[in-house]
Amino acid sequence: MSETLSWRGPITRWDGEKAVYHLLTIGGGVAEDLTMHERLRRLELGGRRGFGSVKVMATIGGTRWKTSVFPSKSGEWWLLVGKKVLKAEDLAAGDEAELALELL
């Protein structure tokens, strides 16, 4: 049985060396839940996934996709939001997005 977490926050634009990325920064109690889930999975599997990531099924509006969330050093988590999702949901940097994460 999987757990579903909800978060609402702004889409942030980040200019990388080779591309522009859009992401949601997840904090608060949802970030704590993700951290605990990652720790439990690490104990179960005897190791950590790449970058300490957690596999999720993400949903914004009517768009659902399988992806991963990544921890930051500040204790928050990042979800990359692709161009297809931005276009399908008519979102841009600075817009608020309602996110549902199903932990896999």
N, C-alpha and C. Protein backbone atom coordinates (compact mmCIF):
# COMPACT_ATOMS: atom_id res chain seq x y z
N MET A 1 0.84 -1.18 0.00
CA MET A 1 0.00 0.00 0.00
C MET A 1 0.88 1.24 0.00
N SER A 2 0.60 2.19 -0.84
CA SER A 2 1.43 3.37 -0.94
C SER A 2 0.78 4.56 -0.26
N GLU A 3 1.60 5.50 0.13
CA GLU A 3 1.15 6.70 0.81
C GLU A 3 1.11 7.85 -0.19
N THR A 4 0.11 8.74 -0.05
CA THR A 4 0.02 9.91 -0.92
C THR A 4 0.19 11.17 -0.09
N LEU A 5 1.06 12.06 -0.55
CA LEU A 5 1.34 13.32 0.12
C LEU A 5 0.89 14.47 -0.78
N SER A 6 0.45 15.57 -0.18
CA SER A 6 0.01 16.74 -0.95
C SER A 6 0.86 17.95 -0.58
N TRP A 7 1.13 18.78 -1.59
CA TRP A 7 1.93 19.99 -1.39
C TRP A 7 1.47 21.05 -2.38
N ARG A 8 1.49 22.29 -1.96
CA ARG A 8 1.18 23.41 -2.85
C ARG A 8 2.33 24.40 -2.75
N GLY A 9 2.85 24.80 -3.90
CA GLY A 9 3.96 25.74 -3.89
C GLY A 9 4.19 26.31 -5.27
N PRO A 10 5.07 27.32 -5.35
CA PRO A 10 5.36 27.96 -6.63
C PRO A 10 6.34 27.16 -7.48
N ILE A 11 6.16 27.25 -8.78
CA ILE A 11 7.12 26.68 -9.73
C ILE A 11 8.31 27.64 -9.79
N THR A 12 9.51 27.10 -9.63
CA THR A 12 10.74 27.90 -9.66
C THR A 12 11.53 27.58 -10.92
N ARG A 13 12.08 28.60 -11.54
CA ARG A 13 12.95 28.42 -12.71
C ARG A 13 14.39 28.43 -12.23
N TRP A 14 15.16 27.44 -12.71
CA TRP A 14 16.57 27.38 -12.37
C TRP A 14 17.36 27.26 -13.67
N ASP A 15 18.28 28.18 -13.89
CA ASP A 15 19.11 28.18 -15.10
C ASP A 15 20.38 27.39 -14.83
N GLY A 16 20.44 26.18 -15.42
CA GLY A 16 21.61 25.34 -15.28
C GLY A 16 22.64 25.70 -16.33
N GLU A 17 23.75 25.01 -16.33
CA GLU A 17 24.82 25.26 -17.30
C GLU A 17 24.39 24.92 -18.72
N LYS A 18 23.59 23.85 -18.87
CA LYS A 18 23.23 23.37 -20.20
C LYS A 18 21.75 23.51 -20.52
N ALA A 19 20.92 23.81 -19.53
CA ALA A 19 19.48 23.87 -19.77
C ALA A 19 18.80 24.69 -18.68
N VAL A 20 17.53 24.98 -18.94
CA VAL A 20 16.68 25.64 -17.95
C VAL A 20 15.77 24.57 -17.35
N TYR A 21 15.66 24.56 -16.03
CA TYR A 21 14.84 23.59 -15.34
C TYR A 21 13.75 24.30 -14.56
N HIS A 22 12.62 23.63 -14.40
CA HIS A 22 11.54 24.12 -13.56
C HIS A 22 11.31 23.10 -12.47
N LEU A 23 11.14 23.56 -11.24
CA LEU A 23 10.98 22.63 -10.14
C LEU A 23 10.05 23.17 -9.07
N LEU A 24 9.56 22.26 -8.27
CA LEU A 24 8.81 22.58 -7.07
C LEU A 24 9.70 22.23 -5.89
N THR A 25 9.81 23.13 -4.93
CA THR A 25 10.55 22.86 -3.71
C THR A 25 9.54 22.45 -2.65
N ILE A 26 9.74 21.28 -2.08
CA ILE A 26 8.80 20.70 -1.12
C ILE A 26 9.42 20.80 0.27
N GLY A 27 8.69 21.42 1.19
CA GLY A 27 9.20 21.61 2.53
C GLY A 27 8.23 21.14 3.60
N GLY A 28 8.45 21.60 4.82
CA GLY A 28 7.54 21.33 5.93
C GLY A 28 7.39 19.85 6.26
N GLY A 29 6.19 19.49 6.69
CA GLY A 29 5.89 18.12 7.09
C GLY A 29 6.00 17.13 5.95
N VAL A 30 5.71 17.59 4.72
CA VAL A 30 5.81 16.69 3.56
C VAL A 30 7.28 16.31 3.34
N ALA A 31 8.18 17.28 3.50
CA ALA A 31 9.61 17.00 3.36
C ALA A 31 10.07 16.01 4.44
N GLU A 32 9.56 16.18 5.64
CA GLU A 32 9.90 15.26 6.73
C GLU A 32 9.41 13.84 6.42
N ASP A 33 8.20 13.74 5.86
CA ASP A 33 7.66 12.43 5.49
C ASP A 33 8.51 11.78 4.40
N LEU A 34 8.96 12.57 3.42
CA LEU A 34 9.81 12.04 2.35
C LEU A 34 11.15 11.56 2.92
N THR A 35 11.72 12.33 3.85
CA THR A 35 12.99 11.96 4.47
C THR A 35 12.85 10.64 5.24
N MET A 36 11.77 10.50 5.98
CA MET A 36 11.55 9.26 6.74
C MET A 36 11.36 8.07 5.80
N HIS A 37 10.59 8.28 4.72
CA HIS A 37 10.38 7.21 3.74
C HIS A 37 11.72 6.77 3.14
N GLU A 38 12.56 7.74 2.79
CA GLU A 38 13.87 7.42 2.19
C GLU A 38 14.72 6.63 3.17
N ARG A 39 14.71 7.02 4.43
CA ARG A 39 15.51 6.31 5.45
C ARG A 39 15.03 4.89 5.64
N LEU A 40 13.72 4.70 5.69
CA LEU A 40 13.17 3.35 5.84
C LEU A 40 13.52 2.48 4.64
N ARG A 41 13.42 3.04 3.42
CA ARG A 41 13.78 2.29 2.20
C ARG A 41 15.26 1.92 2.22
N ARG A 42 16.10 2.84 2.70
CA ARG A 42 17.53 2.56 2.75
C ARG A 42 17.81 1.40 3.70
N LEU A 43 17.12 1.35 4.84
CA LEU A 43 17.28 0.24 5.77
C LEU A 43 16.79 -1.07 5.16
N GLU A 44 15.65 -1.00 4.45
CA GLU A 44 15.07 -2.18 3.81
C GLU A 44 15.98 -2.75 2.74
N LEU A 45 16.51 -1.87 1.90
CA LEU A 45 17.28 -2.30 0.73
C LEU A 45 18.77 -2.42 1.00
N GLY A 46 19.23 -1.89 2.14
CA GLY A 46 20.65 -1.98 2.45
C GLY A 46 21.50 -0.98 1.71
N GLY A 47 20.89 0.00 1.12
CA GLY A 47 21.64 1.03 0.40
C GLY A 47 20.71 2.15 -0.02
N ARG A 48 21.30 3.14 -0.59
CA ARG A 48 20.58 4.34 -0.97
C ARG A 48 20.45 4.43 -2.48
N ARG A 49 19.34 4.98 -2.97
CA ARG A 49 19.17 5.20 -4.41
C ARG A 49 20.02 6.39 -4.82
N GLY A 50 20.21 6.59 -6.10
CA GLY A 50 21.01 7.69 -6.61
C GLY A 50 20.62 9.03 -6.02
N PHE A 51 21.59 9.72 -5.46
CA PHE A 51 21.42 11.05 -4.85
C PHE A 51 20.46 11.03 -3.67
N GLY A 52 20.08 9.86 -3.16
CA GLY A 52 19.12 9.78 -2.06
C GLY A 52 17.69 10.01 -2.50
N SER A 53 17.43 9.81 -3.78
CA SER A 53 16.12 10.10 -4.35
C SER A 53 15.06 9.09 -3.90
N VAL A 54 13.79 9.50 -4.07
CA VAL A 54 12.64 8.66 -3.75
C VAL A 54 11.77 8.58 -5.00
N LYS A 55 11.41 7.36 -5.40
CA LYS A 55 10.52 7.17 -6.54
C LYS A 55 9.09 7.56 -6.15
N VAL A 56 8.43 8.30 -7.06
CA VAL A 56 7.06 8.75 -6.81
C VAL A 56 6.24 8.72 -8.10
N MET A 57 4.93 8.73 -7.92
CA MET A 57 4.00 9.01 -9.00
C MET A 57 3.49 10.41 -8.70
N ALA A 58 3.83 11.37 -9.54
CA ALA A 58 3.47 12.77 -9.28
C ALA A 58 2.23 13.14 -10.10
N THR A 59 1.39 13.99 -9.52
CA THR A 59 0.21 14.50 -10.21
C THR A 59 0.09 15.99 -9.97
N ILE A 60 0.00 16.72 -11.06
CA ILE A 60 -0.31 18.15 -11.02
C ILE A 60 -1.49 18.34 -11.97
N GLY A 61 -2.59 18.83 -11.43
CA GLY A 61 -3.80 18.98 -12.25
C GLY A 61 -4.23 17.63 -12.79
N GLY A 62 -4.39 17.54 -14.11
CA GLY A 62 -4.78 16.29 -14.75
C GLY A 62 -3.60 15.50 -15.30
N THR A 63 -2.38 15.95 -15.01
CA THR A 63 -1.18 15.29 -15.54
C THR A 63 -0.51 14.46 -14.46
N ARG A 64 -0.25 13.20 -14.81
CA ARG A 64 0.34 12.24 -13.86
C ARG A 64 1.55 11.60 -14.53
N TRP A 65 2.66 11.49 -13.79
CA TRP A 65 3.85 10.88 -14.36
C TRP A 65 4.71 10.26 -13.26
N LYS A 66 5.46 9.23 -13.64
CA LYS A 66 6.37 8.54 -12.73
C LYS A 66 7.72 9.25 -12.78
N THR A 67 8.25 9.59 -11.61
CA THR A 67 9.50 10.33 -11.54
C THR A 67 10.16 10.09 -10.18
N SER A 68 11.09 10.92 -9.81
CA SER A 68 11.73 10.87 -8.50
C SER A 68 11.82 12.27 -7.93
N VAL A 69 11.85 12.35 -6.60
CA VAL A 69 12.12 13.61 -5.92
C VAL A 69 13.51 13.48 -5.29
N PHE A 70 14.18 14.63 -5.15
CA PHE A 70 15.57 14.63 -4.71
C PHE A 70 15.74 15.51 -3.49
N PRO A 71 16.53 15.05 -2.49
CA PRO A 71 16.73 15.86 -1.28
C PRO A 71 17.72 16.99 -1.53
N SER A 72 17.52 18.09 -0.81
CA SER A 72 18.49 19.18 -0.82
C SER A 72 19.23 19.16 0.51
N LYS A 73 20.32 19.87 0.59
CA LYS A 73 21.10 19.91 1.83
C LYS A 73 20.36 20.65 2.94
N SER A 74 19.36 21.47 2.57
CA SER A 74 18.61 22.24 3.56
C SER A 74 17.45 21.45 4.18
N GLY A 75 17.23 20.21 3.71
CA GLY A 75 16.15 19.39 4.24
C GLY A 75 14.88 19.43 3.40
N GLU A 76 14.86 20.28 2.39
CA GLU A 76 13.73 20.31 1.46
C GLU A 76 13.96 19.26 0.38
N TRP A 77 12.93 19.04 -0.42
CA TRP A 77 13.02 18.10 -1.55
C TRP A 77 12.65 18.83 -2.82
N TRP A 78 13.21 18.38 -3.95
CA TRP A 78 12.95 19.00 -5.25
C TRP A 78 12.27 18.02 -6.19
N LEU A 79 11.27 18.51 -6.89
CA LEU A 79 10.61 17.77 -7.96
C LEU A 79 10.81 18.54 -9.25
N LEU A 80 11.47 17.93 -10.21
CA LEU A 80 11.61 18.57 -11.53
C LEU A 80 10.28 18.48 -12.27
N VAL A 81 9.86 19.58 -12.86
CA VAL A 81 8.61 19.64 -13.60
C VAL A 81 8.97 19.91 -15.06
N GLY A 82 8.71 18.92 -15.92
CA GLY A 82 9.09 19.01 -17.33
C GLY A 82 8.22 19.95 -18.15
N LYS A 83 8.73 20.27 -19.33
CA LYS A 83 8.02 21.17 -20.25
C LYS A 83 6.64 20.63 -20.62
N LYS A 84 6.52 19.32 -20.79
CA LYS A 84 5.22 18.74 -21.16
C LYS A 84 4.19 18.99 -20.07
N VAL A 85 4.59 18.88 -18.82
CA VAL A 85 3.67 19.12 -17.70
C VAL A 85 3.30 20.60 -17.64
N LEU A 86 4.31 21.46 -17.77
CA LEU A 86 4.06 22.91 -17.74
C LEU A 86 3.06 23.31 -18.83
N LYS A 87 3.27 22.78 -20.02
CA LYS A 87 2.39 23.12 -21.14
C LYS A 87 0.99 22.55 -20.92
N ALA A 88 0.90 21.29 -20.52
CA ALA A 88 -0.41 20.64 -20.34
C ALA A 88 -1.24 21.33 -19.26
N GLU A 89 -0.58 21.85 -18.23
CA GLU A 89 -1.29 22.48 -17.11
C GLU A 89 -1.26 24.00 -17.17
N ASP A 90 -0.70 24.55 -18.26
CA ASP A 90 -0.63 26.00 -18.48
C ASP A 90 0.05 26.69 -17.28
N LEU A 91 1.24 26.19 -16.93
CA LEU A 91 2.01 26.71 -15.80
C LEU A 91 3.31 27.33 -16.28
N ALA A 92 3.82 28.29 -15.51
CA ALA A 92 5.10 28.92 -15.78
C ALA A 92 5.76 29.23 -14.44
N ALA A 93 7.01 29.64 -14.49
CA ALA A 93 7.74 30.01 -13.28
C ALA A 93 6.94 31.06 -12.51
N GLY A 94 6.83 30.86 -11.20
CA GLY A 94 6.09 31.78 -10.35
C GLY A 94 4.66 31.35 -10.08
N ASP A 95 4.10 30.48 -10.92
CA ASP A 95 2.73 29.99 -10.72
C ASP A 95 2.69 28.99 -9.57
N GLU A 96 1.59 29.00 -8.82
CA GLU A 96 1.37 28.01 -7.77
C GLU A 96 0.87 26.71 -8.39
N ALA A 97 1.35 25.60 -7.89
CA ALA A 97 0.91 24.29 -8.38
C ALA A 97 0.50 23.43 -7.20
N GLU A 98 -0.58 22.69 -7.39
CA GLU A 98 -1.05 21.73 -6.40
C GLU A 98 -0.49 20.37 -6.81
N LEU A 99 0.27 19.75 -5.91
CA LEU A 99 0.98 18.52 -6.20
C LEU A 99 0.50 17.39 -5.31
N ALA A 100 0.31 16.22 -5.90
CA ALA A 100 0.07 15.00 -5.14
C ALA A 100 1.20 14.03 -5.47
N LEU A 101 1.81 13.47 -4.44
CA LEU A 101 2.90 12.50 -4.61
C LEU A 101 2.49 11.17 -4.01
N GLU A 102 2.48 10.15 -4.85
CA GLU A 102 2.25 8.79 -4.37
C GLU A 102 3.61 8.13 -4.22
N LEU A 103 3.98 7.75 -3.02
CA LEU A 103 5.30 7.15 -2.77
C LEU A 103 5.30 5.73 -3.31
N LEU A 104 6.34 5.39 -4.07
CA LEU A 104 6.44 4.07 -4.69
C LEU A 104 7.52 3.24 -4.00
